[in-house]
N, C-alpha and C. Protein backbone atom coordinates (compact mmCIF):
# COMPACT_ATOMS: atom_id res chain seq x y z
N UNK A 1 -12.24 -20.77 -7.53
CA UNK A 1 -10.95 -21.20 -8.39
C UNK A 1 -10.68 -20.19 -9.31
N UNK A 2 -11.47 -19.62 -9.92
CA UNK A 2 -11.63 -18.77 -11.18
C UNK A 2 -11.43 -17.29 -10.66
N UNK A 3 -12.07 -16.85 -9.58
CA UNK A 3 -11.67 -15.83 -8.93
C UNK A 3 -10.17 -15.45 -8.72
N UNK A 4 -9.30 -16.41 -7.71
CA UNK A 4 -7.96 -16.56 -7.57
C UNK A 4 -7.15 -16.26 -8.89
N UNK A 5 -7.52 -16.95 -10.05
CA UNK A 5 -6.85 -16.58 -11.36
C UNK A 5 -7.11 -15.51 -11.84
N UNK A 6 -8.12 -14.89 -11.86
CA UNK A 6 -8.31 -13.64 -12.54
C UNK A 6 -8.07 -12.49 -11.35
N UNK A 7 -7.93 -12.77 -10.43
CA UNK A 7 -6.96 -11.50 -9.31
C UNK A 7 -5.73 -11.70 -9.77
N UNK A 8 -5.05 -13.14 -10.10
CA UNK A 8 -3.49 -12.85 -10.64
C UNK A 8 -3.48 -12.29 -11.93
N UNK A 9 -4.31 -12.57 -12.76
CA UNK A 9 -3.91 -12.07 -13.83
C UNK A 9 -4.47 -10.43 -14.14
N UNK A 10 -5.30 -10.13 -13.46
CA UNK A 10 -5.48 -8.57 -13.07
C UNK A 10 -4.50 -7.85 -12.61
N UNK A 11 -3.79 -8.31 -11.78
CA UNK A 11 -2.57 -7.63 -11.14
C UNK A 11 -1.76 -6.92 -11.75
N UNK A 12 -1.40 -7.67 -12.71
CA UNK A 12 -0.55 -6.61 -13.61
C UNK A 12 -1.44 -5.59 -14.05
N UNK A 13 -2.82 -5.73 -14.78
CA UNK A 13 -3.58 -4.63 -15.35
C UNK A 13 -3.55 -3.39 -14.15
N UNK A 14 -3.71 -3.72 -12.77
CA UNK A 14 -4.06 -2.95 -11.98
C UNK A 14 -2.89 -2.00 -11.73
N UNK A 15 -1.65 -2.75 -11.57
CA UNK A 15 -0.42 -2.01 -11.39
C UNK A 15 -0.05 -0.86 -12.46
N UNK A 16 -0.50 -1.46 -13.91
CA UNK A 16 -0.19 -1.08 -15.06
C UNK A 16 -1.31 0.58 -14.84
N UNK A 17 -2.43 0.49 -14.33
CA UNK A 17 -3.27 1.66 -13.86
C UNK A 17 -2.86 2.39 -12.88
N UNK A 18 -2.16 1.73 -11.75
CA UNK A 18 -1.90 2.81 -11.02
C UNK A 18 -0.36 3.65 -11.21
N UNK A 19 0.51 3.05 -12.56
CA UNK A 19 1.57 3.67 -12.77
C UNK A 19 1.33 4.78 -13.83
N UNK A 20 0.38 4.50 -14.57
CA UNK A 20 -0.63 5.51 -15.32
C UNK A 20 -0.95 6.79 -14.76
N UNK A 21 -1.61 6.64 -13.59
CA UNK A 21 -2.03 7.93 -13.04
C UNK A 21 -1.01 8.68 -11.76
N UNK A 22 -0.07 7.59 -11.29
CA UNK A 22 1.14 8.30 -10.68
C UNK A 22 1.77 9.05 -11.49
N UNK A 23 1.54 8.77 -12.81
CA UNK A 23 2.45 9.55 -13.55
C UNK A 23 1.82 11.24 -13.97
N UNK A 24 0.52 10.91 -14.00
CA UNK A 24 -0.15 12.27 -14.41
C UNK A 24 -0.01 13.11 -12.73
N UNK A 25 0.00 12.61 -11.81
CA UNK A 25 -0.25 13.51 -10.53
C UNK A 25 0.09 12.41 -9.33
N UNK A 26 0.41 13.04 -8.16
CA UNK A 26 0.33 12.25 -7.23
C UNK A 26 -0.70 11.40 -6.62
N UNK A 27 -1.01 10.26 -6.35
CA UNK A 27 -2.14 9.18 -5.87
C UNK A 27 -2.16 9.42 -4.78
N UNK A 28 -3.67 8.89 -4.04
CA UNK A 28 -3.33 8.44 -2.75
C UNK A 28 -4.35 7.30 -2.92
N UNK A 29 -4.32 6.34 -1.31
CA UNK A 29 -4.95 4.99 -1.40
C UNK A 29 -6.82 5.01 -2.03
N UNK A 30 -7.21 6.06 -1.44
CA UNK A 30 -8.89 5.74 -1.42
C UNK A 30 -9.29 6.47 -2.83
N UNK A 31 -8.59 7.34 -3.25
CA UNK A 31 -8.50 8.21 -4.55
C UNK A 31 -8.44 7.01 -5.95
N UNK A 32 -7.58 6.03 -5.44
CA UNK A 32 -6.69 4.89 -6.51
C UNK A 32 -8.08 4.16 -6.35
N UNK A 33 -8.57 3.54 -5.06
CA UNK A 33 -9.63 2.53 -4.95
C UNK A 33 -10.68 2.69 -5.61
N UNK A 34 -11.54 4.29 -5.77
CA UNK A 34 -12.34 4.86 -6.33
C UNK A 34 -12.09 4.75 -7.89
N UNK A 35 -10.98 5.36 -8.14
CA UNK A 35 -10.53 4.83 -9.72
C UNK A 35 -10.65 3.71 -10.26
N UNK A 36 -10.11 2.71 -9.72
CA UNK A 36 -10.14 1.35 -9.90
C UNK A 36 -11.74 0.73 -10.14
N UNK A 37 -12.35 1.08 -9.17
CA UNK A 37 -13.69 0.80 -9.07
C UNK A 37 -14.59 1.18 -10.15
N UNK A 38 -14.17 2.42 -10.50
CA UNK A 38 -14.50 2.81 -12.12
C UNK A 38 -14.66 2.09 -13.29
N UNK A 39 -13.55 1.34 -13.45
CA UNK A 39 -13.26 0.53 -14.24
C UNK A 39 -13.42 -1.07 -13.78
N UNK A 40 -14.02 -1.29 -13.02
CA UNK A 40 -14.53 -2.37 -12.46
C UNK A 40 -13.64 -3.41 -11.71
N UNK A 41 -12.68 -3.07 -11.29
CA UNK A 41 -11.93 -3.52 -10.14
C UNK A 41 -12.56 -3.46 -8.88
N UNK A 42 -12.69 -4.37 -8.01
CA UNK A 42 -13.23 -4.43 -6.68
C UNK A 42 -12.22 -4.83 -6.11
N UNK A 43 -11.74 -3.82 -4.99
CA UNK A 43 -10.89 -4.30 -4.05
C UNK A 43 -10.43 -3.35 -2.61
N UNK A 44 -10.42 -4.14 -1.70
CA UNK A 44 -10.13 -3.37 -0.57
C UNK A 44 -8.90 -2.75 -0.25
N UNK A 45 -8.71 -2.09 0.81
CA UNK A 45 -7.92 -1.18 1.14
C UNK A 45 -6.87 -2.22 1.46
N UNK A 46 -7.23 -3.38 2.15
CA UNK A 46 -6.30 -4.22 2.71
C UNK A 46 -5.29 -4.99 1.62
N UNK A 47 -6.23 -4.57 0.18
CA UNK A 47 -5.62 -5.61 -1.08
C UNK A 47 -4.56 -4.40 -1.80
N UNK A 48 -5.17 -3.10 -2.00
CA UNK A 48 -4.43 -2.05 -2.43
C UNK A 48 -3.52 -1.58 -1.84
N UNK A 49 -3.40 -1.57 -0.53
CA UNK A 49 -1.96 -1.08 -0.07
C UNK A 49 -0.88 -1.94 0.13
N UNK A 50 -1.18 -3.16 0.01
CA UNK A 50 0.03 -4.13 -0.17
C UNK A 50 0.89 -3.77 -1.77
N UNK A 51 -0.18 -3.64 -2.74
CA UNK A 51 0.71 -3.46 -4.07
C UNK A 51 1.10 -2.19 -3.88
N UNK A 52 0.96 -1.44 -3.40
CA UNK A 52 1.61 0.29 -3.40
C UNK A 52 2.79 -0.07 -2.85
N UNK A 53 3.03 -0.48 -1.46
CA UNK A 53 3.98 -0.72 -0.85
C UNK A 53 5.04 -1.73 -1.55
N UNK A 54 4.33 -2.39 -2.40
CA UNK A 54 5.46 -3.49 -3.30
C UNK A 54 5.70 -2.28 -4.13
N UNK A 55 4.99 -1.57 -5.04
CA UNK A 55 5.48 -0.78 -5.86
C UNK A 55 6.51 0.23 -5.92
N UNK A 56 6.58 0.36 -4.23
CA UNK A 56 7.43 1.49 -3.94
C UNK A 56 8.41 0.95 -3.47
N UNK A 57 8.85 -0.35 -3.26
CA UNK A 57 9.93 -0.99 -2.71
C UNK A 57 10.74 -1.56 -3.78
N UNK A 58 10.03 -1.69 -5.24
CA UNK A 58 10.67 -1.96 -6.33
C UNK A 58 11.39 -0.79 -6.92
N UNK A 59 10.99 0.22 -6.63
CA UNK A 59 11.41 1.51 -7.04
C UNK A 59 10.54 2.08 -8.23
N UNK A 60 8.98 1.64 -8.35
CA UNK A 60 8.11 2.38 -9.26
C UNK A 60 7.58 3.44 -8.67
N UNK A 61 7.45 3.67 -7.49
CA UNK A 61 6.51 4.72 -6.63
C UNK A 61 7.30 5.53 -5.92
N UNK A 62 7.23 6.63 -5.53
CA UNK A 62 8.09 7.11 -4.35
C UNK A 62 6.79 7.91 -3.50
N UNK A 63 6.95 7.72 -2.38
CA UNK A 63 5.75 7.88 -1.45
C UNK A 63 6.00 9.35 -0.82
N UNK A 64 5.24 10.03 -0.33
CA UNK A 64 5.35 11.49 0.21
C UNK A 64 4.33 11.77 0.85
N UNK A 65 4.21 11.62 2.34
CA UNK A 65 3.35 12.09 3.15
C UNK A 65 3.25 13.44 3.58
N UNK A 66 1.67 13.62 3.51
CA UNK A 66 1.15 15.12 3.70
C UNK A 66 0.22 15.09 4.70
N UNK A 67 0.06 16.19 5.52
CA UNK A 67 -0.78 16.57 6.53
C UNK A 67 -1.97 17.10 5.69
N UNK A 68 -3.27 16.53 5.89
CA UNK A 68 -4.37 16.75 5.13
C UNK A 68 -5.51 16.58 6.20
N UNK A 69 -5.81 18.16 6.65
CA UNK A 69 -7.28 18.27 7.75
C UNK A 69 -6.77 17.62 8.95
N UNK A 70 -5.55 17.70 9.33
CA UNK A 70 -4.83 17.15 10.60
C UNK A 70 -4.29 15.40 10.41
N UNK A 71 -4.59 14.72 9.18
CA UNK A 71 -4.26 13.58 8.90
C UNK A 71 -3.02 13.26 8.18
N UNK A 72 -2.34 12.40 8.55
CA UNK A 72 -1.15 12.28 7.49
C UNK A 72 -1.76 11.11 6.24
N UNK A 73 -1.61 11.68 5.15
CA UNK A 73 -2.01 11.00 3.85
C UNK A 73 -0.98 10.60 3.11
N UNK A 74 -0.65 9.50 2.49
CA UNK A 74 0.69 9.32 1.85
C UNK A 74 0.11 9.05 0.49
N UNK A 75 1.22 10.05 -0.43
CA UNK A 75 1.00 10.13 -1.68
C UNK A 75 2.11 9.59 -2.51
N UNK A 76 1.12 8.72 -3.85
CA UNK A 76 2.68 8.39 -4.79
C UNK A 76 2.66 8.96 -5.93
N UNK A 77 3.97 9.01 -6.24
CA UNK A 77 4.18 9.59 -7.64
C UNK A 77 5.20 8.48 -8.37
N UNK A 78 5.03 8.48 -9.59
CA UNK A 78 5.79 7.54 -10.27
C UNK A 78 7.18 7.96 -10.35
N UNK A 79 8.17 6.95 -10.28
CA UNK A 79 9.62 7.41 -10.20
C UNK A 79 10.18 7.38 -11.66
N UNK A 80 11.34 7.90 -12.22
CA UNK A 80 11.69 7.42 -13.51
C UNK A 80 11.91 6.21 -13.92
N UNK A 81 12.16 5.21 -12.87
CA UNK A 81 12.00 3.84 -13.36
C UNK A 81 10.39 3.29 -13.56
N UNK A 82 9.60 3.79 -12.65
CA UNK A 82 8.21 3.61 -13.05
C UNK A 82 7.61 4.15 -14.40
N UNK A 83 8.21 5.14 -14.46
CA UNK A 83 8.03 5.87 -16.12
C UNK A 83 8.44 4.98 -17.05
N UNK A 84 9.47 4.28 -17.08
CA UNK A 84 9.96 3.30 -18.25
C UNK A 84 9.63 2.06 -18.59
N UNK A 85 9.08 1.40 -17.10
CA UNK A 85 8.21 0.26 -16.89
C UNK A 85 7.02 0.52 -17.41
N UNK A 86 6.17 1.65 -17.21
CA UNK A 86 4.91 1.99 -18.15
C UNK A 86 5.09 1.84 -19.26
N UNK A 87 6.02 2.68 -19.67
CA UNK A 87 6.24 2.74 -21.60
C UNK A 87 6.47 1.40 -21.85
N UNK A 88 7.12 0.59 -21.28
CA UNK A 88 7.25 -0.97 -21.73
C UNK A 88 6.02 -1.57 -21.60
N UNK A 89 5.51 -1.69 -20.77
CA UNK A 89 3.99 -2.41 -20.27
C UNK A 89 3.26 -1.57 -21.26
N UNK A 90 3.10 -0.26 -21.61
CA UNK A 90 2.02 -0.06 -22.84
C UNK A 90 2.36 -0.39 -24.14
N UNK A 91 3.45 -0.84 -24.58
CA UNK A 91 4.08 -1.57 -25.76
C UNK A 91 3.28 -2.55 -25.56
N UNK A 92 3.90 -3.80 -24.43
CA UNK A 92 3.46 -5.17 -24.19
C UNK A 92 1.80 -5.13 -24.60
N UNK A 93 1.08 -4.31 -23.89
CA UNK A 93 -0.42 -4.25 -23.49
C UNK A 93 -0.90 -4.05 -25.00
N UNK A 94 -0.23 -3.06 -25.92
CA UNK A 94 -0.85 -2.78 -27.31
C UNK A 94 -0.51 -3.71 -28.05
N UNK A 95 0.68 -4.69 -27.97
CA UNK A 95 0.73 -5.73 -29.07
C UNK A 95 -0.47 -6.86 -28.58
N UNK A 96 -0.55 -6.97 -27.10
CA UNK A 96 -1.34 -8.24 -26.90
C UNK A 96 -2.83 -8.06 -27.45
N UNK A 97 -3.10 -6.59 -27.26
CA UNK A 97 -4.61 -6.27 -27.48
C UNK A 97 -4.81 -6.58 -28.85
N UNK A 98 -3.67 -5.82 -29.82
CA UNK A 98 -3.77 -6.19 -31.18
C UNK A 98 -3.99 -7.83 -31.60
N UNK A 99 -3.51 -8.75 -30.94
CA UNK A 99 -3.31 -9.83 -31.13
C UNK A 99 -4.54 -10.59 -30.82
N UNK A 100 -5.32 -10.02 -29.75
CA UNK A 100 -6.38 -10.69 -28.87
C UNK A 100 -7.80 -10.32 -29.29
N UNK A 101 -8.20 -8.92 -30.05
CA UNK A 101 -9.17 -7.87 -29.97
C UNK A 101 -10.28 -8.84 -30.62
N UNK A 102 -10.11 -9.74 -31.78
CA UNK A 102 -11.10 -10.43 -32.44
C UNK A 102 -11.04 -11.75 -32.00
């Protein structure tokens, strides 16, 4: 039960993390999985890709398909809406961190 609760809680953190990197440069799934793993988030592609698709349908990410070594790779970049949401999330996360850090 705790795993399910933590997964729901961390979903917001993961989305903020995705937006942060998608603002810096276009990201793709495998790269993002590795990045999240470096920060302690263990997830499968079957978990990440629906998150990316939902963020795209919500207008936060824009998908571009590129041919890489003969395979199609989907790159995601943050949209203007994604940038606005990220700024709001940063402000809220900062306020929350200040409150709970001690």
